[in-house]
C-alpha atoms as a PDB file:
ATOM      1  CA  MET A   1      14.079   5.269 -50.358  1.00  0.00           C
ATOM      2  CA  LYS A   2      17.222   3.323 -51.175  1.00  0.00           C
ATOM      3  CA  ILE A   3      17.154  -0.435 -50.626  1.00  0.00           C
ATOM      4  CA  TYR A   4      20.120  -2.606 -49.659  1.00  0.00           C
ATOM      5  CA  HIS A   5      20.036  -6.388 -49.415  1.00  0.00           C
ATOM      6  CA  SER A   6      23.057  -6.527 -47.122  1.00  0.00           C
ATOM      7  CA  ILE A   7      24.660  -4.224 -44.576  1.00  0.00           C
ATOM      8  CA  ASN A   8      27.807  -4.471 -46.701  1.00  0.00           C
ATOM      9  CA  GLU A   9      26.069  -2.657 -49.577  1.00  0.00           C
ATOM     10  CA  PHE A  10      25.429   0.469 -47.519  1.00  0.00           C
ATOM     11  CA  GLU A  11      27.645   3.518 -47.937  1.00  0.00           C
ATOM     12  CA  PRO A  12      27.686   5.627 -44.730  1.00  0.00           C
ATOM     13  CA  VAL A  13      26.003   9.038 -44.721  1.00  0.00           C
ATOM     14  CA  GLN A  14      26.140  11.956 -42.313  1.00  0.00           C
ATOM     15  CA  GLY A  15      23.847  12.089 -39.307  1.00  0.00           C
ATOM     16  CA  LEU A  16      22.292   8.642 -39.686  1.00  0.00           C
ATOM     17  CA  VAL A  17      19.295   7.867 -37.441  1.00  0.00           C
ATOM     18  CA  VAL A  18      18.701   4.111 -37.124  1.00  0.00           C
ATOM     19  CA  THR A  19      16.112   1.728 -35.759  1.00  0.00           C
ATOM     20  CA  ILE A  20      16.186  -2.078 -35.847  1.00  0.00           C
ATOM     21  CA  GLY A  21      13.418  -4.681 -35.938  1.00  0.00           C
ATOM     22  CA  THR A  22      11.482  -7.265 -37.914  1.00  0.00           C
ATOM     23  CA  PHE A  23       8.566  -4.860 -38.549  1.00  0.00           C
ATOM     24  CA  ASP A  24       6.328  -7.686 -39.721  1.00  0.00           C
ATOM     25  CA  GLY A  25       3.168  -6.209 -41.198  1.00  0.00           C
ATOM     26  CA  VAL A  26       4.428  -2.615 -40.801  1.00  0.00           C
ATOM     27  CA  HIS A  27       1.294  -1.886 -38.780  1.00  0.00           C
ATOM     28  CA  LEU A  28       0.297   1.382 -37.104  1.00  0.00           C
ATOM     29  CA  GLY A  29       2.438   0.668 -34.031  1.00  0.00           C
ATOM     30  CA  HIS A  30       5.520   0.150 -36.190  1.00  0.00           C
ATOM     31  CA  ARG A  31       4.760   3.303 -38.136  1.00  0.00           C
ATOM     32  CA  LYS A  32       4.695   5.337 -34.939  1.00  0.00           C
ATOM     33  CA  LEU A  33       8.212   4.170 -34.101  1.00  0.00           C
ATOM     34  CA  ILE A  34       9.462   4.729 -37.645  1.00  0.00           C
ATOM     35  CA  GLN A  35       7.914   8.193 -37.670  1.00  0.00           C
ATOM     36  CA  ARG A  36      10.158   9.000 -34.711  1.00  0.00           C
ATOM     37  CA  ILE A  37      13.370   8.265 -36.637  1.00  0.00           C
ATOM     38  CA  VAL A  38      12.104  10.255 -39.624  1.00  0.00           C
ATOM     39  CA  GLU A  39      11.332  13.245 -37.391  1.00  0.00           C
ATOM     40  CA  GLN A  40      14.705  12.978 -35.647  1.00  0.00           C
ATOM     41  CA  ALA A  41      16.527  12.790 -38.980  1.00  0.00           C
ATOM     42  CA  GLN A  42      14.683  15.831 -40.285  1.00  0.00           C
ATOM     43  CA  SER A  43      15.369  17.873 -37.158  1.00  0.00           C
ATOM     44  CA  SER A  44      19.095  17.049 -37.245  1.00  0.00           C
ATOM     45  CA  ASN A  45      19.530  17.336 -41.031  1.00  0.00           C
ATOM     46  CA  GLY A  46      20.364  13.636 -41.096  1.00  0.00           C
ATOM     47  CA  GLU A  47      18.876  10.585 -42.809  1.00  0.00           C
ATOM     48  CA  ALA A  48      16.654   7.786 -41.467  1.00  0.00           C
ATOM     49  CA  LEU A  49      17.497   4.083 -41.839  1.00  0.00           C
ATOM     50  CA  VAL A  50      15.601   0.924 -40.917  1.00  0.00           C
ATOM     51  CA  LEU A  51      17.620  -2.251 -40.401  1.00  0.00           C
ATOM     52  CA  THR A  52      15.570  -5.414 -40.723  1.00  0.00           C
ATOM     53  CA  PHE A  53      16.284  -9.048 -41.519  1.00  0.00           C
ATOM     54  CA  PHE A  54      15.207 -11.970 -43.669  1.00  0.00           C
ATOM     55  CA  PRO A  55      14.675 -14.805 -43.047  1.00  0.00           C
ATOM     56  CA  HIS A  56      12.920 -14.098 -39.763  1.00  0.00           C
ATOM     57  CA  PRO A  57      15.322 -15.103 -36.953  1.00  0.00           C
ATOM     58  CA  ARG A  58      12.990 -17.836 -35.704  1.00  0.00           C
ATOM     59  CA  MET A  59      13.067 -19.473 -39.143  1.00  0.00           C
ATOM     60  CA  VAL A  60      16.837 -19.803 -38.879  1.00  0.00           C
ATOM     61  CA  LEU A  61      17.265 -20.626 -35.209  1.00  0.00           C
ATOM     62  CA  ASN A  62      14.318 -23.060 -35.008  1.00  0.00           C
ATOM     63  CA  PRO A  63      13.879 -24.334 -38.574  1.00  0.00           C
ATOM     64  CA  GLU A  64      11.975 -27.492 -37.653  1.00  0.00           C
ATOM     65  CA  GLU A  65       9.445 -26.001 -35.274  1.00  0.00           C
ATOM     66  CA  HIS A  66       9.284 -22.244 -35.771  1.00  0.00           C
ATOM     67  CA  GLY A  67       5.691 -22.490 -37.060  1.00  0.00           C
ATOM     68  CA  ILE A  68       5.854 -18.818 -37.884  1.00  0.00           C
ATOM     69  CA  GLU A  69       3.179 -17.124 -39.980  1.00  0.00           C
ATOM     70  CA  LEU A  70       4.176 -13.667 -41.149  1.00  0.00           C
ATOM     71  CA  LEU A  71       1.892 -10.764 -41.966  1.00  0.00           C
ATOM     72  CA  SER A  72       4.087  -9.525 -44.792  1.00  0.00           C
ATOM     73  CA  THR A  73       6.458 -11.006 -47.340  1.00  0.00           C
ATOM     74  CA  THR A  74       9.769  -9.259 -47.940  1.00  0.00           C
ATOM     75  CA  THR A  75       8.392  -7.660 -51.104  1.00  0.00           C
ATOM     76  CA  GLU A  76       5.325  -6.373 -49.252  1.00  0.00           C
ATOM     77  CA  LYS A  77       7.412  -5.104 -46.341  1.00  0.00           C
ATOM     78  CA  ILE A  78       9.726  -3.184 -48.658  1.00  0.00           C
ATOM     79  CA  ARG A  79       6.750  -1.549 -50.349  1.00  0.00           C
ATOM     80  CA  LEU A  80       5.106  -0.654 -47.035  1.00  0.00           C
ATOM     81  CA  LEU A  81       8.301   0.773 -45.552  1.00  0.00           C
ATOM     82  CA  SER A  82       8.803   2.858 -48.684  1.00  0.00           C
ATOM     83  CA  GLU A  83       5.634   4.736 -47.690  1.00  0.00           C
ATOM     84  CA  THR A  84       6.978   5.799 -44.277  1.00  0.00           C
ATOM     85  CA  GLY A  85       9.416   8.510 -45.351  1.00  0.00           C
ATOM     86  CA  ILE A  86      12.644   6.715 -44.436  1.00  0.00           C
ATOM     87  CA  ASP A  87      15.702   7.302 -46.600  1.00  0.00           C
ATOM     88  CA  HIS A  88      17.338   3.877 -46.392  1.00  0.00           C
ATOM     89  CA  LEU A  89      16.177   0.294 -45.854  1.00  0.00           C
ATOM     90  CA  VAL A  90      18.655  -2.501 -45.196  1.00  0.00           C
ATOM     91  CA  VAL A  91      17.220  -6.034 -45.429  1.00  0.00           C
ATOM     92  CA  HIS A  92      20.140  -8.081 -44.137  1.00  0.00           C
ATOM     93  CA  PRO A  93      20.312 -11.884 -44.558  1.00  0.00           C
ATOM     94  CA  PHE A  94      19.868 -13.442 -41.113  1.00  0.00           C
ATOM     95  CA  SER A  95      22.042 -16.510 -40.503  1.00  0.00           C
ATOM     96  CA  ARG A  96      23.358 -18.566 -37.616  1.00  0.00           C
ATOM     97  CA  ASP A  97      26.771 -16.932 -38.053  1.00  0.00           C
ATOM     98  CA  PHE A  98      25.201 -13.483 -37.838  1.00  0.00           C
ATOM     99  CA  SER A  99      23.218 -14.487 -34.743  1.00  0.00           C
ATOM    100  CA  SER A 100      26.406 -15.625 -32.996  1.00  0.00           C
ATOM    101  CA  MET A 101      27.935 -12.125 -33.067  1.00  0.00           C
ATOM    102  CA  ASP A 102      28.261 -10.815 -29.516  1.00  0.00           C
ATOM    103  CA  ALA A 103      26.534  -7.584 -28.503  1.00  0.00           C
ATOM    104  CA  GLU A 104      29.592  -5.325 -28.370  1.00  0.00           C
ATOM    105  CA  LYS A 105      30.899  -6.608 -31.713  1.00  0.00           C
ATOM    106  CA  PHE A 106      27.473  -5.934 -33.263  1.00  0.00           C
ATOM    107  CA  VAL A 107      27.577  -2.346 -32.035  1.00  0.00           C
ATOM    108  CA  ARG A 108      31.187  -1.710 -33.062  1.00  0.00           C
ATOM    109  CA  ASP A 109      31.236  -3.569 -36.379  1.00  0.00           C
ATOM    110  CA  ILE A 110      27.668  -3.037 -37.618  1.00  0.00           C
ATOM    111  CA  LEU A 111      26.157   0.059 -36.041  1.00  0.00           C
ATOM    112  CA  VAL A 112      29.342   2.120 -35.976  1.00  0.00           C
ATOM    113  CA  ALA A 113      31.816   0.775 -38.565  1.00  0.00           C
ATOM    114  CA  LYS A 114      29.300  -0.233 -41.267  1.00  0.00           C
ATOM    115  CA  LEU A 115      26.435   2.205 -40.718  1.00  0.00           C
ATOM    116  CA  SER A 116      28.117   5.173 -38.965  1.00  0.00           C
ATOM    117  CA  THR A 117      25.078   5.469 -36.703  1.00  0.00           C
ATOM    118  CA  LYS A 118      24.699   8.831 -34.949  1.00  0.00           C
ATOM    119  CA  HIS A 119      21.325   8.302 -33.295  1.00  0.00           C
ATOM    120  CA  LEU A 120      19.798   4.920 -32.419  1.00  0.00           C
ATOM    121  CA  VAL A 121      16.094   4.605 -31.577  1.00  0.00           C
ATOM    122  CA  ILE A 122      15.296   1.370 -29.798  1.00  0.00           C
ATOM    123  CA  GLY A 123      12.585  -0.237 -27.642  1.00  0.00           C
ATOM    124  CA  TYR A 124      12.892  -0.144 -23.844  1.00  0.00           C
ATOM    125  CA  ASP A 125      13.415  -3.931 -23.581  1.00  0.00           C
ATOM    126  CA  HIS A 126      15.412  -4.420 -26.790  1.00  0.00           C
ATOM    127  CA  LYS A 127      17.887  -7.297 -26.614  1.00  0.00           C
ATOM    128  CA  PHE A 128      20.513  -7.940 -29.267  1.00  0.00           C
ATOM    129  CA  GLY A 129      23.653  -9.918 -30.011  1.00  0.00           C
ATOM    130  CA  ASN A 130      24.435 -13.561 -29.302  1.00  0.00           C
ATOM    131  CA  GLN A 131      21.953 -15.089 -26.848  1.00  0.00           C
ATOM    132  CA  ARG A 132      20.273 -11.661 -26.714  1.00  0.00           C
ATOM    133  CA  SER A 133      22.957 -10.607 -24.245  1.00  0.00           C
ATOM    134  CA  GLY A 134      23.026  -6.916 -25.150  1.00  0.00           C
ATOM    135  CA  ASN A 135      20.600  -4.466 -23.565  1.00  0.00           C
ATOM    136  CA  ILE A 136      19.771  -0.777 -23.380  1.00  0.00           C
ATOM    137  CA  SER A 137      22.258  -0.108 -20.554  1.00  0.00           C
ATOM    138  CA  GLN A 138      25.114  -1.560 -22.589  1.00  0.00           C
ATOM    139  CA  LEU A 139      23.992   0.478 -25.590  1.00  0.00           C
ATOM    140  CA  ARG A 140      24.132   3.690 -23.581  1.00  0.00           C
ATOM    141  CA  VAL A 141      27.667   2.915 -22.390  1.00  0.00           C
ATOM    142  CA  LEU A 142      28.835   2.036 -25.897  1.00  0.00           C
ATOM    143  CA  GLY A 143      27.023   5.026 -27.358  1.00  0.00           C
ATOM    144  CA  ALA A 144      28.863   7.398 -25.036  1.00  0.00           C
ATOM    145  CA  ALA A 145      32.193   5.778 -25.914  1.00  0.00           C
ATOM    146  CA  LEU A 146      31.588   5.551 -29.666  1.00  0.00           C
ATOM    147  CA  ASP A 147      29.791   8.863 -30.184  1.00  0.00           C
ATOM    148  CA  PHE A 148      26.197   7.950 -30.958  1.00  0.00           C
ATOM    149  CA  ALA A 149      23.024   8.871 -29.087  1.00  0.00           C
ATOM    150  CA  VAL A 150      20.615   6.233 -27.795  1.00  0.00           C
ATOM    151  CA  GLU A 151      16.898   6.991 -27.551  1.00  0.00           C
ATOM    152  CA  GLU A 152      14.639   4.556 -25.758  1.00  0.00           C
ATOM    153  CA  ILE A 153      11.047   4.112 -26.898  1.00  0.00           C
ATOM    154  CA  PRO A 154       8.674   4.106 -23.881  1.00  0.00           C
ATOM    155  CA  GLU A 155       7.420   0.786 -22.540  1.00  0.00           C
ATOM    156  CA  GLN A 156       3.802   1.590 -23.412  1.00  0.00           C
ATOM    157  CA  ASP A 157       4.638   2.195 -27.078  1.00  0.00           C
ATOM    158  CA  VAL A 158       6.621  -1.052 -27.313  1.00  0.00           C
ATOM    159  CA  ASN A 159       3.805  -2.962 -25.628  1.00  0.00           C
ATOM    160  CA  ASP A 160       1.307  -1.449 -28.052  1.00  0.00           C
ATOM    161  CA  ILE A 161       3.397  -2.725 -30.975  1.00  0.00           C
ATOM    162  CA  ALA A 162       3.568  -6.262 -29.544  1.00  0.00           C
ATOM    163  CA  VAL A 163      -0.127  -6.345 -28.662  1.00  0.00           C
ATOM    164  CA  SER A 164      -1.065  -5.077 -32.112  1.00  0.00           C
ATOM    165  CA  SER A 165       0.964  -7.796 -33.866  1.00  0.00           C
ATOM    166  CA  THR A 166      -0.618 -10.530 -31.715  1.00  0.00           C
ATOM    167  CA  GLN A 167      -4.111  -9.097 -32.112  1.00  0.00           C
ATOM    168  CA  ILE A 168      -3.792  -8.761 -35.895  1.00  0.00           C
ATOM    169  CA  ARG A 169      -2.852 -12.440 -36.197  1.00  0.00           C
ATOM    170  CA  LYS A 170      -5.735 -13.427 -33.939  1.00  0.00           C
ATOM    171  CA  HIS A 171      -8.226 -11.371 -35.942  1.00  0.00           C
ATOM    172  CA  LEU A 172      -7.045 -12.870 -39.230  1.00  0.00           C
ATOM    173  CA  LYS A 173      -7.186 -16.428 -37.933  1.00  0.00           C
ATOM    174  CA  GLU A 174     -10.787 -15.738 -36.885  1.00  0.00           C
ATOM    175  CA  GLY A 175     -11.664 -14.160 -40.239  1.00  0.00           C
ATOM    176  CA  ARG A 176     -12.119 -10.707 -38.696  1.00  0.00           C
ATOM    177  CA  VAL A 177     -10.308  -8.930 -41.504  1.00  0.00           C
ATOM    178  CA  ALA A 178     -11.984  -5.546 -40.945  1.00  0.00           C
ATOM    179  CA  GLU A 179     -10.722  -5.473 -37.350  1.00  0.00           C
ATOM    180  CA  ALA A 180      -7.237  -6.491 -38.510  1.00  0.00           C
ATOM    181  CA  ALA A 181      -7.290  -3.651 -41.035  1.00  0.00           C
ATOM    182  CA  GLU A 182      -7.911  -1.117 -38.254  1.00  0.00           C
ATOM    183  CA  LEU A 183      -4.668  -2.142 -36.530  1.00  0.00           C
ATOM    184  CA  LEU A 184      -2.706  -2.499 -39.759  1.00  0.00           C
ATOM    185  CA  GLY A 185      -3.846   0.868 -41.050  1.00  0.00           C
ATOM    186  CA  ARG A 186      -4.898  -0.826 -44.303  1.00  0.00           C
ATOM    187  CA  PRO A 187      -6.576  -4.049 -45.503  1.00  0.00           C
ATOM    188  CA  TYR A 188      -4.625  -7.280 -45.135  1.00  0.00           C
ATOM    189  CA  GLU A 189      -3.141  -8.399 -48.429  1.00  0.00           C
ATOM    190  CA  LEU A 190      -2.429 -11.680 -50.173  1.00  0.00           C
ATOM    191  CA  SER A 191      -0.306 -11.741 -53.328  1.00  0.00           C
ATOM    192  CA  GLY A 192       0.255 -14.659 -55.644  1.00  0.00           C
ATOM    193  CA  ILE A 193       0.419 -16.083 -59.132  1.00  0.00           C
ATOM    194  CA  VAL A 194      -2.755 -17.001 -61.029  1.00  0.00           C
ATOM    195  CA  VAL A 195      -2.671 -20.717 -61.876  1.00  0.00           C
ATOM    196  CA  LYS A 196      -5.091 -23.040 -63.649  1.00  0.00           C
ATOM    197  CA  GLY A 197      -7.672 -24.732 -61.465  1.00  0.00           C
ATOM    198  CA  ASN A 198     -10.418 -27.192 -62.377  1.00  0.00           C
ATOM    199  CA  GLN A 199     -12.474 -24.316 -63.877  1.00  0.00           C
ATOM    200  CA  ILE A 200     -15.714 -25.474 -62.245  1.00  0.00           C
ATOM    201  CA  GLY A 201     -16.555 -21.882 -61.340  1.00  0.00           C
ATOM    202  CA  ARG A 202     -16.687 -20.950 -64.995  1.00  0.00           C
ATOM    203  CA  THR A 203     -19.313 -23.631 -65.703  1.00  0.00           C
ATOM    204  CA  ILE A 204     -21.719 -22.115 -63.149  1.00  0.00           C
ATOM    205  CA  GLY A 205     -21.175 -18.481 -64.114  1.00  0.00           C
ATOM    206  CA  PHE A 206     -18.581 -17.581 -61.492  1.00  0.00           C
ATOM    207  CA  PRO A 207     -15.106 -17.831 -63.071  1.00  0.00           C
ATOM    208  CA  THR A 208     -12.337 -17.547 -60.517  1.00  0.00           C
ATOM    209  CA  ALA A 209      -8.637 -16.820 -60.527  1.00  0.00           C
ATOM    210  CA  ASN A 210      -6.863 -19.485 -58.485  1.00  0.00           C
ATOM    211  CA  ILE A 211      -3.968 -17.926 -56.620  1.00  0.00           C
ATOM    212  CA  ARG A 212      -0.787 -19.739 -55.664  1.00  0.00           C
ATOM    213  CA  ILE A 213       0.977 -17.904 -52.854  1.00  0.00           C
ATOM    214  CA  PRO A 214       4.712 -18.666 -53.226  1.00  0.00           C
ATOM    215  CA  GLU A 215       5.699 -17.879 -49.623  1.00  0.00           C
ATOM    216  CA  SER A 216       4.784 -20.794 -47.371  1.00  0.00           C
ATOM    217  CA  TYR A 217       5.259 -18.617 -44.278  1.00  0.00           C
ATOM    218  CA  LYS A 218       2.577 -16.066 -45.241  1.00  0.00           C
ATOM    219  CA  LEU A 219      -0.391 -16.078 -42.857  1.00  0.00           C
ATOM    220  CA  ILE A 220      -3.606 -17.153 -44.613  1.00  0.00           C
ATOM    221  CA  PRO A 221      -6.774 -15.898 -42.890  1.00  0.00           C
ATOM    222  CA  ALA A 222      -9.559 -18.198 -41.715  1.00  0.00           C
ATOM    223  CA  GLU A 223     -11.473 -20.191 -44.292  1.00  0.00           C
ATOM    224  CA  GLY A 224     -14.507 -18.414 -45.685  1.00  0.00           C
ATOM    225  CA  VAL A 225     -15.835 -16.063 -48.337  1.00  0.00           C
ATOM    226  CA  TYR A 226     -14.615 -12.464 -48.322  1.00  0.00           C
ATOM    227  CA  LEU A 227     -15.272  -9.199 -50.130  1.00  0.00           C
ATOM    228  CA  VAL A 228     -12.004  -7.946 -51.602  1.00  0.00           C
ATOM    229  CA  ASP A 229     -10.264  -5.426 -53.785  1.00  0.00           C
ATOM    230  CA  VAL A 230      -8.012  -6.944 -56.440  1.00  0.00           C
ATOM    231  CA  LEU A 231      -5.004  -5.276 -58.032  1.00  0.00           C
ATOM    232  CA  VAL A 232      -4.737  -6.792 -61.510  1.00  0.00           C
ATOM    233  CA  ASP A 233      -3.125  -5.451 -64.684  1.00  0.00           C
ATOM    234  CA  GLY A 234      -2.419  -2.174 -62.897  1.00  0.00           C
ATOM    235  CA  GLN A 235      -6.081  -1.628 -62.042  1.00  0.00           C
ATOM    236  CA  THR A 236      -8.066  -2.069 -58.840  1.00  0.00           C
ATOM    237  CA  LYS A 237     -11.163  -4.227 -59.255  1.00  0.00           C
ATOM    238  CA  HIS A 238     -13.727  -5.508 -56.765  1.00  0.00           C
ATOM    239  CA  GLY A 239     -14.360  -9.156 -56.095  1.00  0.00           C
ATOM    240  CA  MET A 240     -15.297 -12.075 -53.869  1.00  0.00           C
ATOM    241  CA  MET A 241     -12.626 -14.414 -52.587  1.00  0.00           C
ATOM    242  CA  SER A 242     -12.914 -17.905 -51.190  1.00  0.00           C
ATOM    243  CA  ILE A 243     -10.326 -19.412 -48.860  1.00  0.00           C
ATOM    244  CA  GLY A 244     -10.910 -23.049 -48.097  1.00  0.00           C
ATOM    245  CA  LYS A 245     -11.005 -26.675 -49.104  1.00  0.00           C
ATOM    246  CA  ARG A 246     -13.993 -26.400 -51.505  1.00  0.00           C
ATOM    247  CA  PRO A 247     -15.979 -29.224 -49.862  1.00  0.00           C
ATOM    248  CA  THR A 248     -18.672 -29.253 -52.558  1.00  0.00           C
ATOM    249  CA  VAL A 249     -16.369 -29.785 -55.558  1.00  0.00           C
ATOM    250  CA  ASP A 250     -13.065 -31.093 -54.193  1.00  0.00           C
ATOM    251  CA  HIS A 251     -12.811 -34.005 -51.781  1.00  0.00           C
ATOM    252  CA  GLN A 252      -9.013 -33.993 -51.553  1.00  0.00           C
ATOM    253  CA  GLY A 253      -9.014 -31.400 -48.795  1.00  0.00           C
ATOM    254  CA  LYS A 254      -6.468 -29.073 -50.371  1.00  0.00           C
ATOM    255  CA  LEU A 255      -6.620 -25.437 -49.299  1.00  0.00           C
ATOM    256  CA  SER A 256      -7.359 -23.119 -52.199  1.00  0.00           C
ATOM    257  CA  VAL A 257      -7.399 -19.352 -52.526  1.00  0.00           C
ATOM    258  CA  GLU A 258      -9.508 -18.164 -55.439  1.00  0.00           C
ATOM    259  CA  VAL A 259     -11.122 -14.872 -56.366  1.00  0.00           C
ATOM    260  CA  HIS A 260     -14.072 -13.983 -58.601  1.00  0.00           C
ATOM    261  CA  ILE A 261     -13.346 -10.522 -60.019  1.00  0.00           C
ATOM    262  CA  LEU A 262     -16.531  -8.582 -60.712  1.00  0.00           C
ATOM    263  CA  GLY A 263     -16.994  -7.661 -64.358  1.00  0.00           C
ATOM    264  CA  PHE A 264     -13.637  -9.116 -65.362  1.00  0.00           C
ATOM    265  CA  ASP A 265     -12.959 -12.170 -67.493  1.00  0.00           C
ATOM    266  CA  SER A 266      -9.545 -11.662 -69.094  1.00  0.00           C
ATOM    267  CA  ASP A 267      -6.871 -14.344 -69.349  1.00  0.00           C
ATOM    268  CA  ILE A 268      -4.472 -13.602 -66.492  1.00  0.00           C
ATOM    269  CA  TYR A 269      -2.861 -17.030 -66.038  1.00  0.00           C
ATOM    270  CA  GLY A 270       0.714 -16.570 -64.874  1.00  0.00           C
ATOM    271  CA  ASN A 271       0.098 -13.007 -63.691  1.00  0.00           C
ATOM    272  CA  MET A 272       0.911 -11.826 -60.187  1.00  0.00           C
ATOM    273  CA  ILE A 273      -2.136 -10.281 -58.501  1.00  0.00           C
ATOM    274  CA  SER A 274      -2.745  -8.812 -55.062  1.00  0.00           C
ATOM    275  CA  VAL A 275      -5.961  -9.197 -53.096  1.00  0.00           C
ATOM    276  CA  ARG A 276      -6.939  -6.921 -50.199  1.00  0.00           C
ATOM    277  CA  LEU A 277      -9.432  -8.456 -47.789  1.00  0.00           C
ATOM    278  CA  LEU A 278     -12.173  -6.044 -46.748  1.00  0.00           C
ATOM    279  CA  GLN A 279     -14.910  -8.013 -45.024  1.00  0.00           C
ATOM    280  CA  LYS A 280     -15.936 -11.604 -44.381  1.00  0.00           C
ATOM    281  CA  VAL A 281     -19.270 -12.634 -45.897  1.00  0.00           C
ATOM    282  CA  ARG A 282     -19.713 -16.138 -44.506  1.00  0.00           C
ATOM    283  CA  ASP A 283     -18.048 -19.383 -43.480  1.00  0.00           C
ATOM    284  CA  ASN A 284     -17.439 -22.144 -45.993  1.00  0.00           C
ATOM    285  CA  ARG A 285     -19.831 -25.088 -45.993  1.00  0.00           C
ATOM    286  CA  ARG A 286     -20.623 -28.119 -48.102  1.00  0.00           C
ATOM    287  CA  PHE A 287     -23.598 -27.861 -50.434  1.00  0.00           C
ATOM    288  CA  ASP A 288     -25.667 -30.860 -51.496  1.00  0.00           C
ATOM    289  CA  SER A 289     -25.599 -29.922 -55.160  1.00  0.00           C
ATOM    290  CA  MET A 290     -23.962 -27.583 -57.648  1.00  0.00           C
ATOM    291  CA  ASP A 291     -27.317 -25.812 -58.065  1.00  0.00           C
ATOM    292  CA  GLU A 292     -27.395 -25.078 -54.339  1.00  0.00           C
ATOM    293  CA  LEU A 293     -23.841 -23.757 -54.506  1.00  0.00           C
ATOM    294  CA  LYS A 294     -24.764 -21.575 -57.479  1.00  0.00           C
ATOM    295  CA  GLU A 295     -27.717 -20.061 -55.593  1.00  0.00           C
ATOM    296  CA  GLN A 296     -25.500 -19.294 -52.613  1.00  0.00           C
ATOM    297  CA  LEU A 297     -22.941 -17.619 -54.886  1.00  0.00           C
ATOM    298  CA  LYS A 298     -25.718 -15.482 -56.365  1.00  0.00           C
ATOM    299  CA  SER A 299     -26.649 -14.405 -52.848  1.00  0.00           C
ATOM    300  CA  ASP A 300     -22.990 -13.650 -52.081  1.00  0.00           C
ATOM    301  CA  LEU A 301     -22.819 -11.609 -55.272  1.00  0.00           C
ATOM    302  CA  GLN A 302     -25.783  -9.495 -54.216  1.00  0.00           C
ATOM    303  CA  GLN A 303     -24.018  -8.722 -50.942  1.00  0.00           C
ATOM    304  CA  ALA A 304     -20.890  -7.779 -52.862  1.00  0.00           C
ATOM    305  CA  LEU A 305     -22.748  -5.508 -55.281  1.00  0.00           C
ATOM    306  CA  LYS A 306     -24.465  -3.754 -52.378  1.00  0.00           C
ATOM    307  CA  TYR A 307     -21.198  -3.388 -50.433  1.00  0.00           C
ATOM    308  CA  PHE A 308     -19.360  -1.896 -53.407  1.00  0.00           C
ATOM    309  CA  GLY A 309     -22.262   0.407 -54.291  1.00  0.00           C
ATOM    310  CA  PHE A 310     -23.303  -1.167 -57.575  1.00  0.00           C
ATOM    311  CA  ASN A 311     -26.923  -0.884 -58.683  1.00  0.00           C
ATOM    312  CA  HIS A 312     -27.929  -4.327 -59.836  1.00  0.00           C
END
C-alpha cells in the first residue's frame, strides 16, 4: 500500500476504484465496505484507493466544542488500512478552505482531475462538498458526464457501520472491551510513550510502565483494571493495566494509564509501546492501606495468570 499525505502527492493510475470516509477505528463494518472496492479493483484490473482526512472534520469546523474521541490515531488507522488489501491511501489535511469547496468542484477537481477516479463506491446517504450540499443523485449525473461509475452501498450496510461505531464507543466507555473487540475485529489499542511515574508500584512488587498518550483526542476506556497484551521491544507480552486516578496513592486526581508487564522488568523509559485491552478485571477503588492494595494486586495477578494460561 502506498501512502500519500495530500491529494496533490498522488499520481493517477488506470482504473482507479475509490471510496471516501473517516474510517475511524477501521472496524468490521468499514472493512466490509473497503473489501468491496478491493474486489471491484481486482475484477476490473484496476487499483483501490481510500481517501480519508485528518484532522477529523469536526475538529476543524467546531474546534471549541467538538468533544470528539476517536477510536484510532492517524498512525493506527494507516496500519489498519494497510491490512485491507487496498493499493493506495490518501490522508488529506482537512481545513476550512477545503471544506468550503462546493460539491461539483470537489468532483471535478479532486475525484476526476487529481485522482482520475473510474469507479466510486459511496454510502447511500453520503453528503459532500460545502454545507454537505452534494448527494448521490448529483454524483450519478456528474459520473455520467465525466466518465466514472457510481456504486451506492445499501442503506443497511451504511447503518451497520454507523451503529457499530456508536456501539464500540459505548462499550469502551463502560469498560466492556471484549464486546468492543467483537465489533472492531480485534482488541482495542492504546499506544504511548513510557514516562517516569512515582514508582510506587515497584516498592510493592508490581512495577508499572506509565504511558503518556500523545493524542488528546484518543478515546480512553472506562477506569478500571484490565488484562492486556503489550507490544514492547518487538515482542508481545501479557500484562495488567490500570486506567484511573489511583485514589490510594495519588490525591491529585490525575488520570493515569499504567501497565504491569508479566515477567518483564527492563528499562523502557522513552519507548513507544502499544497495549491491547482484552478483558476488564474490576473497577478502581480506594484502599485503606498499601498492604490492602498489594493483596488486591496479588489477586488480580492470579486472575491474569489463569487467563493467560500460566501455571503459578
